[in-house]
Amino acid sequence: MGIWPLLLFLILVPGIIAQISVRAALNKYSRVPARSGRSGAEAAAELMDDVGIHDVQITRTDSFLGDHYDPRTKTLALSPAVYDGRSIAALGIAAHETGHAIQHQHFYAPLQVRMAVVPTTMFVSRLTPLIIIGGFWFRISAFITLGIIVYAVIVLFQLITLPVEFNASSRAKLILQKGGLIARDEMPGVNRVLNAAALTYVAALIAAAAQLLQLVLLNRNRR
């Protein structure tokens, strides 16, 4: 396999595999009720109360898989299926986002770094359509150079994101069992959901790195 087909493979296939894994895990474990009977919102509130977090607001977001913790506003947003859901999947996802709130409370260094680079990453991400058209399609020199800078920032952000997400999942698995919200024999389901979700971040890093390498090679060939 040549370098260009390999790069295209790395850009597309890991993400597809990750999405299939996430949907399969959610489809299965969203239908398995957690024996604790808690909803995702109730679990998040209880878990944060257990560790002394009382200033984070739990809200509902209409975005599918839009669950996230916003450290700027101290808001934990859960999608309807997680906010109201009483499944193993719902509790796992709610606990994962609670893990981010705990990271914030403890000044977890990788989270602090990610917060610092988010504005820059958001800005450069808006330039990707220009990079795709001017750099990848028409191979215009200035856009290739700009693309290298843009994707270098994105790769850095994805690298920083990995320990943040993995650590949040580790915290989630621990606090769910410690808080008695998930029984030991229910943990394989939580693991399946959170591990599948983690694959999406790995896939995003691989795709961004492949796009960066593609631009570097285009720049070298141009010379």
Protein backbone atom coordinates (compact mmCIF):
# COMPACT_ATOMS: atom_id res chain seq x y z
CA MET A 1 0.00 0.00 0.00
CA GLY A 2 1.38 3.43 -1.00
CA ILE A 3 1.61 6.34 1.39
CA TRP A 4 -1.41 8.22 0.03
CA PRO A 5 -3.91 5.32 0.26
CA LEU A 6 -2.52 4.56 3.72
CA LEU A 7 -3.08 8.15 4.85
CA LEU A 8 -6.62 8.10 3.46
CA PHE A 9 -7.21 4.84 5.32
CA LEU A 10 -5.98 6.38 8.59
CA ILE A 11 -8.13 9.47 8.09
CA LEU A 12 -11.37 7.58 7.44
CA VAL A 13 -11.37 4.04 8.78
CA PRO A 14 -10.49 4.47 12.51
CA GLY A 15 -13.27 7.01 12.88
CA ILE A 16 -15.79 4.72 11.21
CA ILE A 17 -14.77 1.80 13.43
CA ALA A 18 -14.99 4.00 16.54
CA GLN A 19 -18.47 5.24 15.65
CA ILE A 20 -19.71 1.71 14.97
CA SER A 21 -18.29 0.59 18.34
CA VAL A 22 -19.94 3.46 20.20
CA ARG A 23 -23.33 2.90 18.62
CA ALA A 24 -23.17 -0.86 19.22
CA ALA A 25 -22.29 -0.35 22.90
CA LEU A 26 -25.00 2.27 23.39
CA ASN A 27 -27.63 0.24 21.57
CA LYS A 28 -26.94 -2.70 23.86
CA TYR A 29 -26.42 -1.10 27.24
CA SER A 30 -28.97 1.69 26.88
CA ARG A 31 -31.52 -1.12 27.10
CA VAL A 32 -30.06 -2.65 30.26
CA PRO A 33 -31.47 -0.97 33.40
CA ALA A 34 -29.05 -0.30 36.23
CA ARG A 35 -30.24 -2.00 39.37
CA SER A 36 -29.65 1.14 41.44
CA GLY A 37 -32.60 2.72 39.61
CA ARG A 38 -30.91 6.14 39.37
CA SER A 39 -31.20 8.34 36.31
CA GLY A 40 -28.08 9.84 34.78
CA ALA A 41 -28.90 13.25 36.26
CA GLU A 42 -29.54 11.77 39.70
CA ALA A 43 -26.32 9.77 39.54
CA ALA A 44 -24.26 12.81 38.54
CA ALA A 45 -25.76 14.88 41.37
CA GLU A 46 -25.18 12.14 43.91
CA LEU A 47 -21.61 11.50 42.79
CA MET A 48 -20.70 15.19 42.90
CA ASP A 49 -22.30 15.55 46.32
CA ASP A 50 -20.20 12.62 47.56
CA VAL A 51 -16.97 14.47 46.66
CA GLY A 52 -18.11 17.88 47.86
CA ILE A 53 -18.94 19.53 44.54
CA HIS A 54 -21.96 21.77 45.06
CA ASP A 55 -21.46 24.53 42.49
CA VAL A 56 -21.94 22.60 39.24
CA GLN A 57 -25.28 22.89 37.46
CA ILE A 58 -26.65 19.78 35.75
CA THR A 59 -28.60 20.65 32.60
CA ARG A 60 -30.25 18.88 29.70
CA THR A 61 -28.91 19.30 26.15
CA ASP A 62 -30.91 18.30 23.11
CA SER A 63 -27.76 17.26 21.24
CA PHE A 64 -27.45 13.50 20.68
CA LEU A 65 -24.17 12.36 22.29
CA GLY A 66 -23.67 15.99 23.29
CA ASP A 67 -22.88 15.12 26.89
CA HIS A 68 -20.08 17.31 28.22
CA TYR A 69 -18.74 19.26 31.18
CA ASP A 70 -18.01 22.95 30.62
CA PRO A 71 -15.38 24.14 33.13
CA ARG A 72 -15.94 27.79 32.15
CA THR A 73 -19.53 27.83 33.37
CA LYS A 74 -19.32 24.80 35.69
CA THR A 75 -22.15 23.17 33.79
CA LEU A 76 -22.61 19.45 33.28
CA ALA A 77 -24.82 18.97 30.22
CA LEU A 78 -26.45 15.61 29.58
CA SER A 79 -28.38 14.45 26.53
CA PRO A 80 -32.00 13.35 27.15
CA ALA A 81 -31.13 9.64 26.97
CA VAL A 82 -28.51 10.15 29.68
CA TYR A 83 -30.27 12.81 31.75
CA ASP A 84 -33.46 10.77 32.09
CA GLY A 85 -32.07 7.32 31.32
CA ARG A 86 -31.71 4.72 34.06
CA SER A 87 -29.56 2.33 32.06
CA ILE A 88 -26.01 1.15 32.56
CA ALA A 89 -24.98 3.29 29.58
CA ALA A 90 -26.64 6.41 30.99
CA LEU A 91 -24.95 6.05 34.37
CA GLY A 92 -21.58 5.35 32.77
CA ILE A 93 -21.73 8.46 30.59
CA ALA A 94 -23.04 10.65 33.43
CA ALA A 95 -20.23 9.42 35.68
CA HIS A 96 -17.66 10.12 32.95
CA GLU A 97 -18.77 13.75 32.72
CA THR A 98 -18.79 13.93 36.51
CA GLY A 99 -15.18 12.74 36.29
CA HIS A 100 -14.38 15.92 34.38
CA ALA A 101 -15.99 18.02 37.10
CA ILE A 102 -13.83 16.22 39.67
CA GLN A 103 -10.76 16.87 37.52
CA HIS A 104 -11.64 20.55 37.52
CA GLN A 105 -12.10 20.57 41.28
CA HIS A 106 -8.68 18.95 41.75
CA PHE A 107 -6.93 21.19 39.21
CA TYR A 108 -5.99 18.14 37.13
CA ALA A 109 -3.05 19.41 35.05
CA PRO A 110 -3.96 17.97 31.61
CA LEU A 111 -7.46 19.47 31.93
CA GLN A 112 -5.96 22.85 32.82
CA VAL A 113 -3.72 22.67 29.74
CA ARG A 114 -6.64 21.67 27.51
CA MET A 115 -8.70 24.58 28.82
CA ALA A 116 -5.83 26.92 27.95
CA VAL A 117 -5.54 25.72 24.35
CA VAL A 118 -9.27 25.43 23.59
CA PRO A 119 -9.65 29.03 22.26
CA THR A 120 -6.71 28.61 19.87
CA THR A 121 -7.94 25.22 18.73
CA MET A 122 -11.45 26.54 18.09
CA PHE A 123 -10.04 29.40 16.04
CA VAL A 124 -7.78 27.28 13.85
CA SER A 125 -10.49 24.64 13.40
CA ARG A 126 -12.58 27.25 11.58
CA LEU A 127 -9.83 27.41 8.96
CA THR A 128 -10.02 23.73 8.01
CA PRO A 129 -12.46 24.29 5.08
CA LEU A 130 -9.92 26.68 3.56
CA ILE A 131 -7.16 24.14 4.10
CA ILE A 132 -9.18 21.36 2.45
CA ILE A 133 -9.99 23.47 -0.61
CA GLY A 134 -6.79 25.46 -0.99
CA GLY A 135 -4.31 22.94 0.37
CA PHE A 136 -5.56 19.42 -0.30
CA TRP A 137 -7.56 20.12 -3.48
CA PHE A 138 -5.65 22.88 -5.27
CA ARG A 139 -2.32 22.49 -3.46
CA ILE A 140 -1.77 26.21 -3.12
CA SER A 141 1.52 26.85 -1.33
CA ALA A 142 0.21 29.34 1.24
CA PHE A 143 -2.69 27.09 2.20
CA ILE A 144 -0.42 24.07 2.59
CA THR A 145 1.82 26.02 4.96
CA LEU A 146 -1.20 27.33 6.86
CA GLY A 147 -2.60 23.81 6.98
CA ILE A 148 0.56 22.46 8.60
CA ILE A 149 0.22 25.03 11.37
CA VAL A 150 -3.51 24.38 11.79
CA TYR A 151 -3.22 20.60 11.96
CA ALA A 152 -0.19 20.78 14.25
CA VAL A 153 -2.38 22.68 16.73
CA ILE A 154 -5.21 20.18 16.29
CA VAL A 155 -2.87 17.22 16.82
CA LEU A 156 -1.50 18.85 19.97
CA PHE A 157 -5.04 19.39 21.25
CA GLN A 158 -5.97 15.77 20.55
CA LEU A 159 -2.84 14.57 22.34
CA ILE A 160 -3.74 16.62 25.40
CA THR A 161 -7.33 15.37 25.23
CA LEU A 162 -6.45 11.68 25.49
CA PRO A 163 -5.22 11.65 29.13
CA VAL A 164 -8.12 13.93 30.11
CA GLU A 165 -10.71 11.55 28.67
CA PHE A 166 -9.02 8.34 29.83
CA ASN A 167 -8.65 9.72 33.35
CA ALA A 168 -12.30 10.82 33.45
CA SER A 169 -13.36 7.30 32.48
CA SER A 170 -11.12 5.78 35.16
CA ARG A 171 -12.62 8.10 37.75
CA ALA A 172 -16.13 7.22 36.53
CA LYS A 173 -15.60 3.49 36.98
CA LEU A 174 -14.23 4.03 40.47
CA ILE A 175 -16.88 6.41 41.78
CA LEU A 176 -19.77 4.39 40.34
CA GLN A 177 -18.74 1.34 42.31
CA LYS A 178 -17.71 3.29 45.39
CA GLY A 179 -21.03 5.12 45.42
CA GLY A 180 -22.97 1.89 45.03
CA LEU A 181 -24.63 3.04 41.81
CA ILE A 182 -23.26 0.18 39.72
CA ALA A 183 -22.79 -3.38 40.96
CA ARG A 184 -19.64 -5.34 40.19
CA ASP A 185 -21.40 -7.57 37.67
CA GLU A 186 -22.71 -4.46 35.85
CA MET A 187 -19.23 -3.01 35.36
CA PRO A 188 -18.47 -4.88 32.09
CA GLY A 189 -21.29 -2.88 30.49
CA VAL A 190 -19.91 0.40 31.80
CA ASN A 191 -16.44 -0.58 30.59
CA ARG A 192 -17.79 -1.42 27.14
CA VAL A 193 -19.53 1.94 26.76
CA LEU A 194 -16.67 4.08 28.08
CA ASN A 195 -13.96 2.17 26.22
CA ALA A 196 -15.89 2.51 22.96
CA ALA A 197 -16.27 6.25 23.56
CA ALA A 198 -12.52 6.51 24.22
CA LEU A 199 -11.86 5.03 20.78
CA THR A 200 -13.41 8.11 19.18
CA TYR A 201 -10.68 10.30 20.69
CA VAL A 202 -7.95 7.92 19.54
CA ALA A 203 -9.48 7.91 16.05
CA ALA A 204 -9.60 11.71 16.00
CA LEU A 205 -5.91 11.88 16.91
CA ILE A 206 -4.96 9.36 14.20
CA ALA A 207 -7.00 11.24 11.58
CA ALA A 208 -5.52 14.62 12.50
CA ALA A 209 -1.97 13.22 12.52
CA ALA A 210 -2.53 11.61 9.10
CA GLN A 211 -3.82 14.90 7.68
CA LEU A 212 -0.83 16.74 9.13
CA LEU A 213 1.56 14.20 7.59
CA GLN A 214 -0.23 14.51 4.26
CA LEU A 215 0.29 18.28 4.27
CA VAL A 216 3.94 17.90 5.26
CA LEU A 217 4.48 15.52 2.35
CA LEU A 218 2.67 17.85 -0.03
CA ASN A 219 4.89 20.69 1.15
CA ARG A 220 8.03 18.58 0.67
CA ASN A 221 6.97 17.47 -2.82
CA ARG A 222 6.18 21.04 -3.76
CA ARG A 223 9.79 21.92 -3.10
